[in-house]
Amino acid sequence: MGELISRMWREIAARPSGPMAFRFYFQPLFAFLAGIHDGLEDARMRRPAYFWSLFTDRANRRRRLREGWRAVRNVFTLAIVLDVVYQLLVLRAFRPVEAIDVAVLLAMVPYLFSRGPVNRVARFVRRARSAKKKVA
């Protein structure tokens, strides 16, 4: 089992320098942009940080998960499809767990890392602007 996991991470680590490496730049970028868009929307609607609310807001957890999935599903699906193509062309094998791992790394992680912080920064800026208006 250890050798299987070791091979999987070795093969994943080799992907950004091999054929179709462009996806390791564009897919996280699109997921990151989706996170920025949704983070700004969260700030405008005065919703809590996305990832944190998944753990703390039980009443809205399902809705928030659906909302997040809607934002990344196309990038996630594209990441899986491109990784399967890569596997078939380069590795001459199909490894579904690796395809899912790559899709999570390229789509979901950048989305999660951008949405919450953008929400917090946008809310901070909004509060600072309103405080400045009150003073003036």
C-alpha atoms as a PDB file:
ATOM      1  CA  MET A   1       0.000   0.000   0.000  1.00  0.00           C
ATOM      2  CA  GLY A   2       2.846   2.400   0.835  1.00  0.00           C
ATOM      3  CA  GLU A   3       4.432   1.817  -2.576  1.00  0.00           C
ATOM      4  CA  LEU A   4       1.105   2.511  -4.282  1.00  0.00           C
ATOM      5  CA  ILE A   5       0.721   5.850  -2.499  1.00  0.00           C
ATOM      6  CA  SER A   6       4.360   6.716  -3.158  1.00  0.00           C
ATOM      7  CA  ARG A   7       3.957   5.996  -6.897  1.00  0.00           C
ATOM      8  CA  MET A   8       0.757   8.021  -7.024  1.00  0.00           C
ATOM      9  CA  TRP A   9       2.389  11.144  -5.530  1.00  0.00           C
ATOM     10  CA  ARG A  10       5.496  10.709  -7.703  1.00  0.00           C
ATOM     11  CA  GLU A  11       3.316  10.607 -10.807  1.00  0.00           C
ATOM     12  CA  ILE A  12       1.252  13.601  -9.669  1.00  0.00           C
ATOM     13  CA  ALA A  13       4.420  15.596  -8.936  1.00  0.00           C
ATOM     14  CA  ALA A  14       5.686  14.881 -12.474  1.00  0.00           C
ATOM     15  CA  ARG A  15       2.557  16.266 -14.171  1.00  0.00           C
ATOM     16  CA  PRO A  16       3.312  20.032 -13.995  1.00  0.00           C
ATOM     17  CA  SER A  17       6.522  19.609 -15.952  1.00  0.00           C
ATOM     18  CA  GLY A  18       5.160  17.173 -18.513  1.00  0.00           C
ATOM     19  CA  PRO A  19       2.741  17.443 -21.418  1.00  0.00           C
ATOM     20  CA  MET A  20      -0.430  19.454 -20.824  1.00  0.00           C
ATOM     21  CA  ALA A  21       1.273  21.410 -18.022  1.00  0.00           C
ATOM     22  CA  PHE A  22      -0.782  24.500 -18.949  1.00  0.00           C
ATOM     23  CA  ARG A  23      -3.686  23.142 -16.930  1.00  0.00           C
ATOM     24  CA  PHE A  24      -1.666  23.434 -13.722  1.00  0.00           C
ATOM     25  CA  TYR A  25      -1.723  27.186 -14.241  1.00  0.00           C
ATOM     26  CA  PHE A  26      -5.116  27.884 -15.784  1.00  0.00           C
ATOM     27  CA  GLN A  27      -7.372  25.606 -13.750  1.00  0.00           C
ATOM     28  CA  PRO A  28      -6.255  26.943 -10.350  1.00  0.00           C
ATOM     29  CA  LEU A  29      -6.495  30.461 -11.785  1.00  0.00           C
ATOM     30  CA  PHE A  30     -10.129  29.928 -12.794  1.00  0.00           C
ATOM     31  CA  ALA A  31     -10.959  28.338  -9.429  1.00  0.00           C
ATOM     32  CA  PHE A  32      -9.204  31.222  -7.662  1.00  0.00           C
ATOM     33  CA  LEU A  33     -11.202  33.757  -9.696  1.00  0.00           C
ATOM     34  CA  ALA A  34     -14.437  31.929  -8.842  1.00  0.00           C
ATOM     35  CA  GLY A  35     -13.426  32.122  -5.169  1.00  0.00           C
ATOM     36  CA  ILE A  36     -12.785  35.860  -5.473  1.00  0.00           C
ATOM     37  CA  HIS A  37     -16.161  36.389  -7.102  1.00  0.00           C
ATOM     38  CA  ASP A  38     -17.981  34.376  -4.453  1.00  0.00           C
ATOM     39  CA  GLY A  39     -15.973  35.915  -1.608  1.00  0.00           C
ATOM     40  CA  LEU A  40     -16.971  39.408  -2.755  1.00  0.00           C
ATOM     41  CA  GLU A  41     -20.580  38.258  -2.981  1.00  0.00           C
ATOM     42  CA  ASP A  42     -20.356  36.809   0.541  1.00  0.00           C
ATOM     43  CA  ALA A  43     -19.035  40.135   1.812  1.00  0.00           C
ATOM     44  CA  ARG A  44     -21.787  42.054   0.048  1.00  0.00           C
ATOM     45  CA  MET A  45     -24.423  39.741   1.555  1.00  0.00           C
ATOM     46  CA  ARG A  46     -22.655  39.869   4.971  1.00  0.00           C
ATOM     47  CA  ARG A  47     -22.235  36.103   5.097  1.00  0.00           C
ATOM     48  CA  PRO A  48     -19.506  34.487   7.199  1.00  0.00           C
ATOM     49  CA  ALA A  49     -16.296  33.126   5.682  1.00  0.00           C
ATOM     50  CA  TYR A  50     -17.177  30.152   3.487  1.00  0.00           C
ATOM     51  CA  PHE A  51     -14.941  27.356   4.775  1.00  0.00           C
ATOM     52  CA  TRP A  52     -15.467  28.308   8.414  1.00  0.00           C
ATOM     53  CA  SER A  53     -19.245  28.424   7.956  1.00  0.00           C
ATOM     54  CA  LEU A  54     -19.245  24.839   6.693  1.00  0.00           C
ATOM     55  CA  PHE A  55     -18.261  23.779  10.206  1.00  0.00           C
ATOM     56  CA  THR A  56     -20.112  26.338  12.300  1.00  0.00           C
ATOM     57  CA  ASP A  57     -23.390  27.053  10.465  1.00  0.00           C
ATOM     58  CA  ARG A  58     -25.196  23.737  10.533  1.00  0.00           C
ATOM     59  CA  ALA A  59     -28.501  25.203   9.347  1.00  0.00           C
ATOM     60  CA  ASN A  60     -26.994  26.502   6.081  1.00  0.00           C
ATOM     61  CA  ARG A  61     -24.263  23.898   5.532  1.00  0.00           C
ATOM     62  CA  ARG A  62     -26.024  22.012   2.738  1.00  0.00           C
ATOM     63  CA  ARG A  63     -26.918  25.209   0.870  1.00  0.00           C
ATOM     64  CA  ARG A  64     -23.353  26.516   1.197  1.00  0.00           C
ATOM     65  CA  LEU A  65     -21.889  23.209  -0.044  1.00  0.00           C
ATOM     66  CA  ARG A  66     -24.178  23.259  -3.092  1.00  0.00           C
ATOM     67  CA  GLU A  67     -23.230  26.868  -3.735  1.00  0.00           C
ATOM     68  CA  GLY A  68     -19.505  26.051  -3.567  1.00  0.00           C
ATOM     69  CA  TRP A  69     -19.904  22.989  -5.772  1.00  0.00           C
ATOM     70  CA  ARG A  70     -21.765  25.042  -8.387  1.00  0.00           C
ATOM     71  CA  ALA A  71     -18.831  27.446  -8.485  1.00  0.00           C
ATOM     72  CA  VAL A  72     -16.116  24.809  -9.005  1.00  0.00           C
ATOM     73  CA  ARG A  73     -17.892  21.931 -10.749  1.00  0.00           C
ATOM     74  CA  ASN A  74     -16.874  22.946 -14.283  1.00  0.00           C
ATOM     75  CA  VAL A  75     -13.231  23.470 -13.339  1.00  0.00           C
ATOM     76  CA  PHE A  76     -13.293  20.220 -11.331  1.00  0.00           C
ATOM     77  CA  THR A  77     -14.815  18.249 -14.210  1.00  0.00           C
ATOM     78  CA  LEU A  78     -12.348  19.721 -16.690  1.00  0.00           C
ATOM     79  CA  ALA A  79      -9.469  18.830 -14.360  1.00  0.00           C
ATOM     80  CA  ILE A  80     -10.620  15.199 -14.212  1.00  0.00           C
ATOM     81  CA  VAL A  81     -11.111  14.953 -17.978  1.00  0.00           C
ATOM     82  CA  LEU A  82      -7.715  16.473 -18.759  1.00  0.00           C
ATOM     83  CA  ASP A  83      -5.994  14.270 -16.205  1.00  0.00           C
ATOM     84  CA  VAL A  84      -7.592  11.147 -17.672  1.00  0.00           C
ATOM     85  CA  VAL A  85      -6.393  12.221 -21.127  1.00  0.00           C
ATOM     86  CA  TYR A  86      -2.922  12.822 -19.677  1.00  0.00           C
ATOM     87  CA  GLN A  87      -2.936   9.411 -18.000  1.00  0.00           C
ATOM     88  CA  LEU A  88      -3.970   7.618 -21.170  1.00  0.00           C
ATOM     89  CA  LEU A  89      -1.418   9.438 -23.356  1.00  0.00           C
ATOM     90  CA  VAL A  90       1.572   9.549 -21.003  1.00  0.00           C
ATOM     91  CA  LEU A  91       1.096   6.811 -18.418  1.00  0.00           C
ATOM     92  CA  ARG A  92      -0.870   4.498 -20.714  1.00  0.00           C
ATOM     93  CA  ALA A  93      -3.044   3.633 -17.748  1.00  0.00           C
ATOM     94  CA  PHE A  94      -6.164   4.878 -16.000  1.00  0.00           C
ATOM     95  CA  ARG A  95      -5.815   5.793 -12.339  1.00  0.00           C
ATOM     96  CA  PRO A  96      -9.111   7.290 -11.122  1.00  0.00           C
ATOM     97  CA  VAL A  97      -7.893   8.139  -7.611  1.00  0.00           C
ATOM     98  CA  GLU A  98      -5.035  10.200  -9.062  1.00  0.00           C
ATOM     99  CA  ALA A  99      -7.467  12.003 -11.367  1.00  0.00           C
ATOM    100  CA  ILE A 100      -9.669  12.920  -8.415  1.00  0.00           C
ATOM    101  CA  ASP A 101      -6.648  14.011  -6.345  1.00  0.00           C
ATOM    102  CA  VAL A 102      -5.419  16.262  -9.155  1.00  0.00           C
ATOM    103  CA  ALA A 103      -8.909  17.732  -9.637  1.00  0.00           C
ATOM    104  CA  VAL A 104      -9.196  18.521  -5.930  1.00  0.00           C
ATOM    105  CA  LEU A 105      -5.743  20.147  -5.949  1.00  0.00           C
ATOM    106  CA  LEU A 106      -6.435  22.184  -9.089  1.00  0.00           C
ATOM    107  CA  ALA A 107     -10.045  23.204  -8.472  1.00  0.00           C
ATOM    108  CA  MET A 108     -11.192  22.948  -4.884  1.00  0.00           C
ATOM    109  CA  VAL A 109      -8.092  23.987  -2.958  1.00  0.00           C
ATOM    110  CA  PRO A 110      -7.580  27.319  -4.785  1.00  0.00           C
ATOM    111  CA  TYR A 111     -11.306  28.063  -4.467  1.00  0.00           C
ATOM    112  CA  LEU A 112     -11.274  27.460  -0.718  1.00  0.00           C
ATOM    113  CA  PHE A 113      -8.061  29.439  -0.245  1.00  0.00           C
ATOM    114  CA  SER A 114      -9.456  32.470  -2.039  1.00  0.00           C
ATOM    115  CA  ARG A 115     -13.132  32.710  -1.074  1.00  0.00           C
ATOM    116  CA  GLY A 116     -12.817  33.138   2.691  1.00  0.00           C
ATOM    117  CA  PRO A 117      -9.884  35.586   2.753  1.00  0.00           C
ATOM    118  CA  VAL A 118     -11.437  37.714  -0.003  1.00  0.00           C
ATOM    119  CA  ASN A 119     -14.639  37.863   2.027  1.00  0.00           C
ATOM    120  CA  ARG A 120     -12.733  38.985   5.128  1.00  0.00           C
ATOM    121  CA  VAL A 121     -10.699  41.625   3.278  1.00  0.00           C
ATOM    122  CA  ALA A 122     -13.759  42.979   1.465  1.00  0.00           C
ATOM    123  CA  ARG A 123     -15.711  43.237   4.731  1.00  0.00           C
ATOM    124  CA  PHE A 124     -12.761  45.000   6.379  1.00  0.00           C
ATOM    125  CA  VAL A 125     -12.521  47.488   3.503  1.00  0.00           C
ATOM    126  CA  ARG A 126     -16.270  48.076   3.593  1.00  0.00           C
ATOM    127  CA  ARG A 127     -16.176  48.746   7.357  1.00  0.00           C
ATOM    128  CA  ALA A 128     -13.213  51.101   6.945  1.00  0.00           C
ATOM    129  CA  ARG A 129     -15.030  53.033   4.219  1.00  0.00           C
ATOM    130  CA  SER A 130     -18.219  53.348   6.260  1.00  0.00           C
ATOM    131  CA  ALA A 131     -16.246  54.495   9.313  1.00  0.00           C
ATOM    132  CA  LYS A 132     -14.475  57.085   7.156  1.00  0.00           C
ATOM    133  CA  LYS A 133     -17.840  58.368   5.870  1.00  0.00           C
ATOM    134  CA  LYS A 134     -19.182  58.658   9.420  1.00  0.00           C
ATOM    135  CA  VAL A 135     -16.152  60.702  10.483  1.00  0.00           C
ATOM    136  CA  ALA A 136     -16.326  63.017   7.464  1.00  0.00           C
END
